[in-house]
Amino acid sequence: MSNSETPRALDREEADMVRQSQALDERSPAELRELIGRLRARRDKAQRQIRTRARSAQARGETAGADTGAREKKALLTEAIARVAEAMDARRSEGDGETKRATDNLRDAVRRKAENPTWTGPEDRTADQGPIETPNTKIAPSGALHAEGMRAAISRSTGNR
């Protein structure tokens, strides 16, 4: 339990990450990726905690508790993730000219390929050439593998079976 009068949903590190998500202008793209990764990890941890508590209460035959602290933590982290993702999307849409051009070219190529699907294989799409004409003489008469050598092996062992 905390000694403070008002309980906090976030610990110091999580609160720091949420503060960082509110001031994103001076962050580099690598820092944004790292920040959103840490935020998602903490959100997923809170979500697993909520689910685990609900399942254990259900297994005991009880109703799940309010768990408001974990739910509040998850909501705050989700809002921070949305802010960072929105900033990343805005930067990506601005983007430098070459990256944006390459992305646009790729999208155009995928669209053109979807519009005009073409089969580049052979005209006859089956590889079936019909049944084999001659019987396979490489296998034993009984159909078992290496059956022709079994008679000698049995006679050398304890005897006929």
N, C-alpha and C. Protein backbone atom coordinates (compact mmCIF):
# COMPACT_ATOMS: atom_id res chain seq x y z
N MET A 1 0.83 -1.19 0.00
CA MET A 1 0.00 0.00 0.00
C MET A 1 0.87 1.25 0.00
N SER A 2 0.38 2.25 -0.57
CA SER A 2 1.10 3.52 -0.64
C SER A 2 0.80 4.34 0.60
N ASN A 3 1.75 5.16 1.00
CA ASN A 3 1.55 6.03 2.15
C ASN A 3 0.81 7.30 1.77
N SER A 4 0.69 7.57 0.49
CA SER A 4 0.02 8.80 0.07
C SER A 4 -1.48 8.67 0.22
N GLU A 5 -2.13 9.80 0.30
CA GLU A 5 -3.59 9.82 0.49
C GLU A 5 -4.32 9.38 -0.77
N THR A 6 -3.78 9.76 -1.91
CA THR A 6 -4.44 9.42 -3.17
C THR A 6 -3.66 8.29 -3.83
N PRO A 7 -4.29 7.14 -4.02
CA PRO A 7 -3.57 6.04 -4.67
C PRO A 7 -3.34 6.36 -6.15
N ARG A 8 -2.19 5.95 -6.66
CA ARG A 8 -1.85 6.20 -8.06
C ARG A 8 -2.02 4.91 -8.84
N ALA A 9 -2.46 5.06 -10.05
CA ALA A 9 -2.61 3.89 -10.90
C ALA A 9 -1.27 3.52 -11.53
N LEU A 10 -0.42 4.51 -11.79
CA LEU A 10 0.83 4.28 -12.49
C LEU A 10 2.00 4.37 -11.52
N ASP A 11 3.01 3.54 -11.75
CA ASP A 11 4.23 3.71 -10.95
C ASP A 11 5.07 4.82 -11.59
N ARG A 12 6.23 5.12 -11.01
CA ARG A 12 7.04 6.26 -11.47
C ARG A 12 7.46 6.11 -12.93
N GLU A 13 7.92 4.92 -13.28
CA GLU A 13 8.39 4.72 -14.64
C GLU A 13 7.24 4.86 -15.65
N GLU A 14 6.08 4.30 -15.32
CA GLU A 14 4.94 4.40 -16.22
C GLU A 14 4.46 5.84 -16.32
N ALA A 15 4.45 6.57 -15.21
CA ALA A 15 4.05 7.97 -15.23
C ALA A 15 5.03 8.77 -16.09
N ASP A 16 6.31 8.45 -16.02
CA ASP A 16 7.31 9.13 -16.83
C ASP A 16 7.06 8.85 -18.31
N MET A 17 6.73 7.61 -18.65
CA MET A 17 6.44 7.28 -20.05
C MET A 17 5.21 8.02 -20.54
N VAL A 18 4.19 8.16 -19.70
CA VAL A 18 2.98 8.89 -20.09
C VAL A 18 3.32 10.36 -20.31
N ARG A 19 4.15 10.94 -19.44
CA ARG A 19 4.58 12.33 -19.62
C ARG A 19 5.36 12.48 -20.93
N GLN A 20 6.21 11.51 -21.24
CA GLN A 20 6.96 11.56 -22.49
C GLN A 20 6.03 11.49 -23.70
N SER A 21 4.93 10.78 -23.56
CA SER A 21 3.99 10.65 -24.69
C SER A 21 3.22 11.94 -24.93
N GLN A 22 3.27 12.86 -23.97
CA GLN A 22 2.56 14.13 -24.14
C GLN A 22 3.44 15.18 -24.81
N ALA A 23 4.76 14.98 -24.83
CA ALA A 23 5.69 15.91 -25.47
C ALA A 23 6.53 15.13 -26.47
N LEU A 24 6.01 14.98 -27.68
CA LEU A 24 6.65 14.12 -28.67
C LEU A 24 7.41 14.87 -29.75
N ASP A 25 7.34 16.19 -29.75
CA ASP A 25 7.94 16.94 -30.85
C ASP A 25 9.45 16.79 -30.91
N GLU A 26 10.11 16.72 -29.75
CA GLU A 26 11.57 16.66 -29.75
C GLU A 26 12.11 15.24 -29.79
N ARG A 27 11.27 14.25 -29.93
CA ARG A 27 11.70 12.85 -29.94
C ARG A 27 12.01 12.40 -31.37
N SER A 28 13.02 11.56 -31.48
CA SER A 28 13.38 10.99 -32.79
C SER A 28 12.47 9.79 -33.09
N PRO A 29 12.42 9.35 -34.34
CA PRO A 29 11.59 8.18 -34.66
C PRO A 29 12.01 6.93 -33.89
N ALA A 30 13.30 6.74 -33.67
CA ALA A 30 13.76 5.58 -32.90
C ALA A 30 13.29 5.66 -31.46
N GLU A 31 13.31 6.86 -30.88
CA GLU A 31 12.83 7.04 -29.52
C GLU A 31 11.33 6.78 -29.43
N LEU A 32 10.60 7.20 -30.45
CA LEU A 32 9.15 6.95 -30.47
C LEU A 32 8.86 5.45 -30.53
N ARG A 33 9.60 4.72 -31.38
CA ARG A 33 9.40 3.28 -31.47
C ARG A 33 9.71 2.59 -30.14
N GLU A 34 10.78 3.03 -29.50
CA GLU A 34 11.16 2.45 -28.21
C GLU A 34 10.11 2.78 -27.15
N LEU A 35 9.61 4.01 -27.15
CA LEU A 35 8.60 4.42 -26.18
C LEU A 35 7.30 3.65 -26.37
N ILE A 36 6.86 3.52 -27.60
CA ILE A 36 5.59 2.81 -27.83
C ILE A 36 5.74 1.33 -27.49
N GLY A 37 6.92 0.77 -27.70
CA GLY A 37 7.15 -0.62 -27.32
C GLY A 37 7.05 -0.82 -25.81
N ARG A 38 7.68 0.11 -25.06
CA ARG A 38 7.61 0.00 -23.59
C ARG A 38 6.19 0.22 -23.09
N LEU A 39 5.48 1.18 -23.70
CA LEU A 39 4.08 1.42 -23.29
C LEU A 39 3.21 0.20 -23.55
N ARG A 40 3.38 -0.41 -24.71
CA ARG A 40 2.58 -1.60 -25.04
C ARG A 40 2.90 -2.76 -24.11
N ALA A 41 4.16 -2.91 -23.74
CA ALA A 41 4.53 -3.98 -22.82
C ALA A 41 3.85 -3.78 -21.47
N ARG A 42 3.86 -2.56 -20.96
CA ARG A 42 3.22 -2.29 -19.68
C ARG A 42 1.70 -2.44 -19.76
N ARG A 43 1.11 -2.00 -20.87
CA ARG A 43 -0.33 -2.16 -21.03
C ARG A 43 -0.72 -3.63 -21.09
N ASP A 44 0.07 -4.42 -21.82
CA ASP A 44 -0.22 -5.85 -21.92
C ASP A 44 -0.07 -6.54 -20.57
N LYS A 45 0.90 -6.10 -19.78
CA LYS A 45 1.08 -6.67 -18.45
C LYS A 45 -0.13 -6.37 -17.58
N ALA A 46 -0.63 -5.14 -17.63
CA ALA A 46 -1.83 -4.78 -16.85
C ALA A 46 -3.04 -5.58 -17.34
N GLN A 47 -3.15 -5.75 -18.63
CA GLN A 47 -4.28 -6.51 -19.19
C GLN A 47 -4.22 -7.97 -18.76
N ARG A 48 -3.02 -8.57 -18.77
CA ARG A 48 -2.89 -9.95 -18.30
C ARG A 48 -3.24 -10.07 -16.83
N GLN A 49 -2.84 -9.06 -16.06
CA GLN A 49 -3.15 -9.06 -14.63
C GLN A 49 -4.66 -9.03 -14.40
N ILE A 50 -5.37 -8.21 -15.16
CA ILE A 50 -6.82 -8.13 -15.04
C ILE A 50 -7.45 -9.48 -15.39
N ARG A 51 -7.01 -10.06 -16.50
CA ARG A 51 -7.57 -11.34 -16.93
C ARG A 51 -7.28 -12.45 -15.92
N THR A 52 -6.06 -12.49 -15.40
CA THR A 52 -5.69 -13.52 -14.44
C THR A 52 -6.53 -13.42 -13.18
N ARG A 53 -6.71 -12.22 -12.69
CA ARG A 53 -7.54 -12.04 -11.49
C ARG A 53 -8.98 -12.45 -11.75
N ALA A 54 -9.50 -12.11 -12.91
CA ALA A 54 -10.88 -12.48 -13.23
C ALA A 54 -11.02 -13.99 -13.34
N ARG A 55 -10.06 -14.66 -13.98
CA ARG A 55 -10.13 -16.12 -14.11
C ARG A 55 -10.02 -16.82 -12.77
N SER A 56 -9.10 -16.35 -11.93
CA SER A 56 -8.95 -17.00 -10.62
C SER A 56 -10.19 -16.80 -9.77
N ALA A 57 -10.82 -15.64 -9.85
CA ALA A 57 -12.06 -15.41 -9.11
C ALA A 57 -13.16 -16.30 -9.66
N GLN A 58 -13.21 -16.46 -10.95
CA GLN A 58 -14.23 -17.31 -11.57
C GLN A 58 -14.01 -18.76 -11.18
N ALA A 59 -12.76 -19.19 -11.10
CA ALA A 59 -12.46 -20.57 -10.72
C ALA A 59 -12.87 -20.85 -9.28
N ARG A 60 -12.77 -19.86 -8.44
CA ARG A 60 -13.18 -20.01 -7.05
C ARG A 60 -14.68 -19.88 -6.88
N GLY A 61 -15.37 -19.51 -7.94
CA GLY A 61 -16.82 -19.36 -7.88
C GLY A 61 -17.24 -17.99 -7.38
N GLU A 62 -16.34 -17.04 -7.36
CA GLU A 62 -16.64 -15.69 -6.91
C GLU A 62 -16.82 -14.79 -8.12
N THR A 63 -17.33 -13.61 -7.86
CA THR A 63 -17.39 -12.62 -8.92
C THR A 63 -16.08 -11.84 -8.90
N ALA A 64 -15.64 -11.41 -10.04
CA ALA A 64 -14.37 -10.69 -10.12
C ALA A 64 -14.49 -9.36 -9.41
N GLY A 65 -13.43 -8.95 -8.73
CA GLY A 65 -13.42 -7.68 -8.01
C GLY A 65 -13.42 -6.51 -8.98
N ALA A 66 -13.50 -5.34 -8.42
CA ALA A 66 -13.56 -4.14 -9.25
C ALA A 66 -12.28 -3.95 -10.05
N ASP A 67 -11.13 -4.19 -9.41
CA ASP A 67 -9.83 -4.08 -10.08
C ASP A 67 -9.69 -2.74 -10.79
N THR A 68 -10.16 -1.68 -10.13
CA THR A 68 -10.17 -0.36 -10.77
C THR A 68 -8.78 0.18 -11.01
N GLY A 69 -7.83 -0.12 -10.12
CA GLY A 69 -6.47 0.38 -10.32
C GLY A 69 -5.84 -0.13 -11.59
N ALA A 70 -5.94 -1.43 -11.83
CA ALA A 70 -5.36 -2.02 -13.04
C ALA A 70 -6.10 -1.54 -14.29
N ARG A 71 -7.40 -1.38 -14.18
CA ARG A 71 -8.17 -0.90 -15.34
C ARG A 71 -7.84 0.56 -15.64
N GLU A 72 -7.64 1.36 -14.60
CA GLU A 72 -7.26 2.75 -14.81
C GLU A 72 -5.87 2.84 -15.43
N LYS A 73 -4.96 1.99 -14.95
CA LYS A 73 -3.60 1.95 -15.50
C LYS A 73 -3.66 1.58 -16.98
N LYS A 74 -4.44 0.57 -17.31
CA LYS A 74 -4.55 0.15 -18.70
C LYS A 74 -5.12 1.28 -19.57
N ALA A 75 -6.12 1.99 -19.06
CA ALA A 75 -6.71 3.09 -19.83
C ALA A 75 -5.70 4.21 -20.06
N LEU A 76 -4.94 4.58 -19.03
CA LEU A 76 -3.95 5.65 -19.19
C LEU A 76 -2.86 5.24 -20.17
N LEU A 77 -2.40 4.00 -20.09
CA LEU A 77 -1.37 3.52 -21.01
C LEU A 77 -1.89 3.43 -22.43
N THR A 78 -3.16 3.04 -22.59
CA THR A 78 -3.76 2.95 -23.92
C THR A 78 -3.87 4.33 -24.55
N GLU A 79 -4.23 5.34 -23.76
CA GLU A 79 -4.29 6.71 -24.28
C GLU A 79 -2.90 7.18 -24.71
N ALA A 80 -1.89 6.87 -23.91
CA ALA A 80 -0.53 7.26 -24.26
C ALA A 80 -0.07 6.57 -25.54
N ILE A 81 -0.42 5.29 -25.68
CA ILE A 81 -0.07 4.55 -26.91
C ILE A 81 -0.73 5.20 -28.12
N ALA A 82 -1.98 5.60 -27.97
CA ALA A 82 -2.69 6.24 -29.08
C ALA A 82 -2.03 7.55 -29.46
N ARG A 83 -1.58 8.33 -28.48
CA ARG A 83 -0.90 9.59 -28.78
C ARG A 83 0.39 9.35 -29.55
N VAL A 84 1.18 8.39 -29.10
CA VAL A 84 2.46 8.12 -29.76
C VAL A 84 2.21 7.56 -31.17
N ALA A 85 1.25 6.66 -31.31
CA ALA A 85 0.96 6.08 -32.62
C ALA A 85 0.47 7.16 -33.59
N GLU A 86 -0.33 8.08 -33.10
CA GLU A 86 -0.82 9.17 -33.95
C GLU A 86 0.34 10.06 -34.41
N ALA A 87 1.27 10.35 -33.49
CA ALA A 87 2.44 11.16 -33.86
C ALA A 87 3.30 10.42 -34.87
N MET A 88 3.46 9.11 -34.69
CA MET A 88 4.25 8.33 -35.63
C MET A 88 3.60 8.33 -37.01
N ASP A 89 2.27 8.18 -37.06
CA ASP A 89 1.56 8.19 -38.34
C ASP A 89 1.68 9.55 -39.02
N ALA A 90 1.59 10.62 -38.22
CA ALA A 90 1.71 11.96 -38.79
C ALA A 90 3.09 12.16 -39.39
N ARG A 91 4.11 11.71 -38.68
CA ARG A 91 5.47 11.85 -39.21
C ARG A 91 5.66 10.98 -40.45
N ARG A 92 5.06 9.80 -40.44
CA ARG A 92 5.21 8.90 -41.58
C ARG A 92 4.53 9.48 -42.81
N SER A 93 3.37 10.13 -42.62
CA SER A 93 2.66 10.69 -43.78
C SER A 93 3.41 11.90 -44.34
N GLU A 94 4.07 12.68 -43.44
CA GLU A 94 4.91 13.77 -43.93
C GLU A 94 6.10 13.17 -44.64
N GLY A 95 6.86 12.38 -43.90
CA GLY A 95 7.97 11.60 -44.41
C GLY A 95 8.91 12.34 -45.34
N ASP A 96 10.08 11.79 -45.51
CA ASP A 96 10.97 12.36 -46.50
C ASP A 96 10.51 11.90 -47.87
N GLY A 97 10.87 12.64 -48.87
CA GLY A 97 10.35 12.40 -50.21
C GLY A 97 10.66 11.03 -50.76
N GLU A 98 11.87 10.54 -50.53
CA GLU A 98 12.27 9.26 -51.11
C GLU A 98 11.51 8.10 -50.48
N THR A 99 11.38 8.10 -49.16
CA THR A 99 10.65 7.02 -48.49
C THR A 99 9.20 7.02 -48.90
N LYS A 100 8.61 8.20 -48.94
CA LYS A 100 7.20 8.28 -49.34
C LYS A 100 7.02 7.83 -50.78
N ARG A 101 7.96 8.21 -51.65
CA ARG A 101 7.87 7.81 -53.05
C ARG A 101 7.97 6.29 -53.18
N ALA A 102 8.88 5.67 -52.43
CA ALA A 102 9.04 4.22 -52.49
C ALA A 102 7.78 3.52 -52.00
N THR A 103 7.19 4.03 -50.92
CA THR A 103 5.96 3.44 -50.40
C THR A 103 4.82 3.59 -51.41
N ASP A 104 4.72 4.77 -52.02
CA ASP A 104 3.67 4.98 -53.02
C ASP A 104 3.86 4.06 -54.22
N ASN A 105 5.12 3.88 -54.66
CA ASN A 105 5.39 2.97 -55.78
C ASN A 105 5.00 1.54 -55.44
N LEU A 106 5.29 1.13 -54.22
CA LEU A 106 4.93 -0.23 -53.80
C LEU A 106 3.42 -0.40 -53.79
N ARG A 107 2.71 0.57 -53.25
CA ARG A 107 1.25 0.49 -53.24
C ARG A 107 0.69 0.44 -54.66
N ASP A 108 1.25 1.24 -55.57
CA ASP A 108 0.79 1.22 -56.96
C ASP A 108 1.03 -0.14 -57.60
N ALA A 109 2.19 -0.73 -57.33
CA ALA A 109 2.50 -2.04 -57.90
C ALA A 109 1.54 -3.11 -57.39
N VAL A 110 1.22 -3.09 -56.11
CA VAL A 110 0.28 -4.05 -55.55
C VAL A 110 -1.11 -3.85 -56.14
N ARG A 111 -1.51 -2.60 -56.32
CA ARG A 111 -2.82 -2.31 -56.90
C ARG A 111 -2.89 -2.80 -58.35
N ARG A 112 -1.82 -2.54 -59.14
CA ARG A 112 -1.81 -2.99 -60.54
C ARG A 112 -1.84 -4.50 -60.64
N LYS A 113 -1.12 -5.17 -59.75
CA LYS A 113 -1.10 -6.63 -59.79
C LYS A 113 -2.47 -7.20 -59.44
N ALA A 114 -3.17 -6.57 -58.50
CA ALA A 114 -4.50 -7.03 -58.11
C ALA A 114 -5.51 -6.79 -59.24
N GLU A 115 -5.32 -5.73 -60.00
CA GLU A 115 -6.24 -5.43 -61.10
C GLU A 115 -6.08 -6.39 -62.27
N ASN A 116 -4.88 -6.85 -62.53
CA ASN A 116 -4.61 -7.67 -63.70
C ASN A 116 -3.89 -8.96 -63.29
N PRO A 117 -4.61 -9.90 -62.68
CA PRO A 117 -3.94 -11.15 -62.32
C PRO A 117 -3.68 -11.97 -63.58
N THR A 118 -2.48 -12.47 -63.71
CA THR A 118 -2.13 -13.28 -64.88
C THR A 118 -1.49 -14.56 -64.42
N TRP A 119 -1.79 -15.64 -65.13
CA TRP A 119 -1.18 -16.93 -64.84
C TRP A 119 0.04 -17.05 -65.72
N THR A 120 1.20 -17.27 -65.09
CA THR A 120 2.44 -17.34 -65.86
C THR A 120 2.94 -18.76 -66.01
N GLY A 121 2.17 -19.73 -65.55
CA GLY A 121 2.58 -21.12 -65.63
C GLY A 121 2.21 -21.74 -66.96
N PRO A 122 2.34 -23.06 -67.06
CA PRO A 122 2.01 -23.74 -68.32
C PRO A 122 0.50 -23.72 -68.58
N GLU A 123 0.15 -23.95 -69.83
CA GLU A 123 -1.26 -23.96 -70.21
C GLU A 123 -2.01 -25.09 -69.51
N ASP A 124 -1.37 -26.27 -69.44
CA ASP A 124 -1.98 -27.41 -68.77
C ASP A 124 -1.58 -27.33 -67.30
N ARG A 125 -2.52 -27.06 -66.42
CA ARG A 125 -2.20 -26.82 -65.01
C ARG A 125 -2.05 -28.10 -64.20
N THR A 126 -2.11 -29.26 -64.82
CA THR A 126 -1.96 -30.50 -64.08
C THR A 126 -0.68 -31.21 -64.50
N ALA A 127 -0.08 -31.90 -63.56
CA ALA A 127 1.14 -32.64 -63.86
C ALA A 127 0.85 -34.12 -64.07
N ASP A 128 -0.41 -34.52 -64.04
CA ASP A 128 -0.78 -35.92 -64.16
C ASP A 128 -0.50 -36.40 -65.57
N GLN A 129 0.27 -37.48 -65.67
CA GLN A 129 0.57 -38.07 -66.97
C GLN A 129 -0.11 -39.41 -67.15
N GLY A 130 -1.00 -39.80 -66.27
CA GLY A 130 -1.69 -41.07 -66.36
C GLY A 130 -0.99 -42.14 -65.55
N PRO A 131 -1.54 -43.38 -65.56
CA PRO A 131 -0.95 -44.45 -64.75
C PRO A 131 0.37 -44.93 -65.35
N ILE A 132 1.20 -45.52 -64.52
CA ILE A 132 2.46 -46.09 -64.97
C ILE A 132 2.14 -47.37 -65.74
N GLU A 133 2.75 -47.55 -66.89
CA GLU A 133 2.42 -48.67 -67.76
C GLU A 133 2.93 -50.00 -67.24
N THR A 134 4.18 -50.08 -66.79
CA THR A 134 4.74 -51.35 -66.36
C THR A 134 4.69 -51.45 -64.84
N PRO A 135 4.52 -52.66 -64.30
CA PRO A 135 4.52 -52.79 -62.85
C PRO A 135 5.90 -52.50 -62.29
N ASN A 136 5.95 -52.12 -61.04
CA ASN A 136 7.21 -51.79 -60.39
C ASN A 136 7.88 -53.10 -59.98
N THR A 137 8.99 -53.43 -60.62
CA THR A 137 9.69 -54.69 -60.34
C THR A 137 10.73 -54.54 -59.25
N LYS A 138 10.89 -53.38 -58.68
CA LYS A 138 11.91 -53.16 -57.67
C LYS A 138 11.46 -53.57 -56.27
N ILE A 139 10.17 -53.79 -56.07
CA ILE A 139 9.72 -54.13 -54.73
C ILE A 139 9.57 -55.64 -54.59
N ALA A 140 9.50 -56.12 -53.36
CA ALA A 140 9.37 -57.56 -53.09
C ALA A 140 8.00 -58.04 -53.57
N PRO A 141 7.88 -59.34 -53.87
CA PRO A 141 6.62 -59.87 -54.36
C PRO A 141 5.48 -59.67 -53.36
N SER A 142 5.76 -59.71 -52.08
CA SER A 142 4.70 -59.55 -51.10
C SER A 142 4.32 -58.09 -50.91
N GLY A 143 5.14 -57.20 -51.38
CA GLY A 143 4.88 -55.79 -51.19
C GLY A 143 5.61 -55.22 -50.01
N ALA A 144 6.19 -56.07 -49.14
CA ALA A 144 6.93 -55.58 -47.99
C ALA A 144 8.34 -55.20 -48.41
N LEU A 145 8.88 -54.19 -47.79
CA LEU A 145 10.23 -53.77 -48.12
C LEU A 145 11.23 -54.80 -47.63
N HIS A 146 12.19 -55.14 -48.45
CA HIS A 146 13.28 -56.07 -48.12
C HIS A 146 12.76 -57.44 -47.67
N ALA A 147 11.64 -57.87 -48.15
CA ALA A 147 11.06 -59.14 -47.73
C ALA A 147 11.85 -60.33 -48.26
N GLU A 148 12.56 -60.16 -49.37
CA GLU A 148 13.29 -61.29 -49.93
C GLU A 148 14.45 -61.72 -49.05
N GLY A 149 14.95 -60.85 -48.18
CA GLY A 149 16.05 -61.23 -47.32
C GLY A 149 15.60 -61.71 -45.95
N MET A 150 14.33 -61.68 -45.68
CA MET A 150 13.84 -62.04 -44.35
C MET A 150 13.91 -63.54 -44.10
N ARG A 151 13.73 -64.40 -45.13
CA ARG A 151 13.74 -65.84 -44.94
C ARG A 151 15.10 -66.29 -44.41
N ALA A 152 16.17 -65.77 -44.96
CA ALA A 152 17.52 -66.13 -44.50
C ALA A 152 17.75 -65.62 -43.10
N ALA A 153 17.28 -64.45 -42.77
CA ALA A 153 17.47 -63.89 -41.44
C ALA A 153 16.71 -64.69 -40.40
N ILE A 154 15.52 -65.16 -40.74
CA ILE A 154 14.72 -65.95 -39.79
C ILE A 154 15.36 -67.31 -39.56
N SER A 155 15.87 -67.93 -40.62
CA SER A 155 16.49 -69.24 -40.45
C SER A 155 17.77 -69.16 -39.63
N ARG A 156 18.48 -68.05 -39.69
CA ARG A 156 19.69 -67.89 -38.86
C ARG A 156 19.35 -67.63 -37.40
N SER A 157 18.19 -67.10 -37.13
CA SER A 157 17.82 -66.78 -35.75
C SER A 157 17.30 -68.05 -35.06
N THR A 158 16.42 -67.95 -34.17
CA THR A 158 15.98 -69.08 -33.36
C THR A 158 15.21 -70.13 -34.15
N GLY A 159 14.89 -69.87 -35.33
CA GLY A 159 14.20 -70.86 -36.14
C GLY A 159 12.96 -70.27 -36.80
N ASN A 160 12.17 -71.10 -37.37
CA ASN A 160 10.96 -70.66 -38.04
C ASN A 160 9.98 -70.07 -37.04
N ARG A 161 9.28 -69.13 -37.48
CA ARG A 161 8.28 -68.49 -36.62
C ARG A 161 6.91 -68.83 -37.08
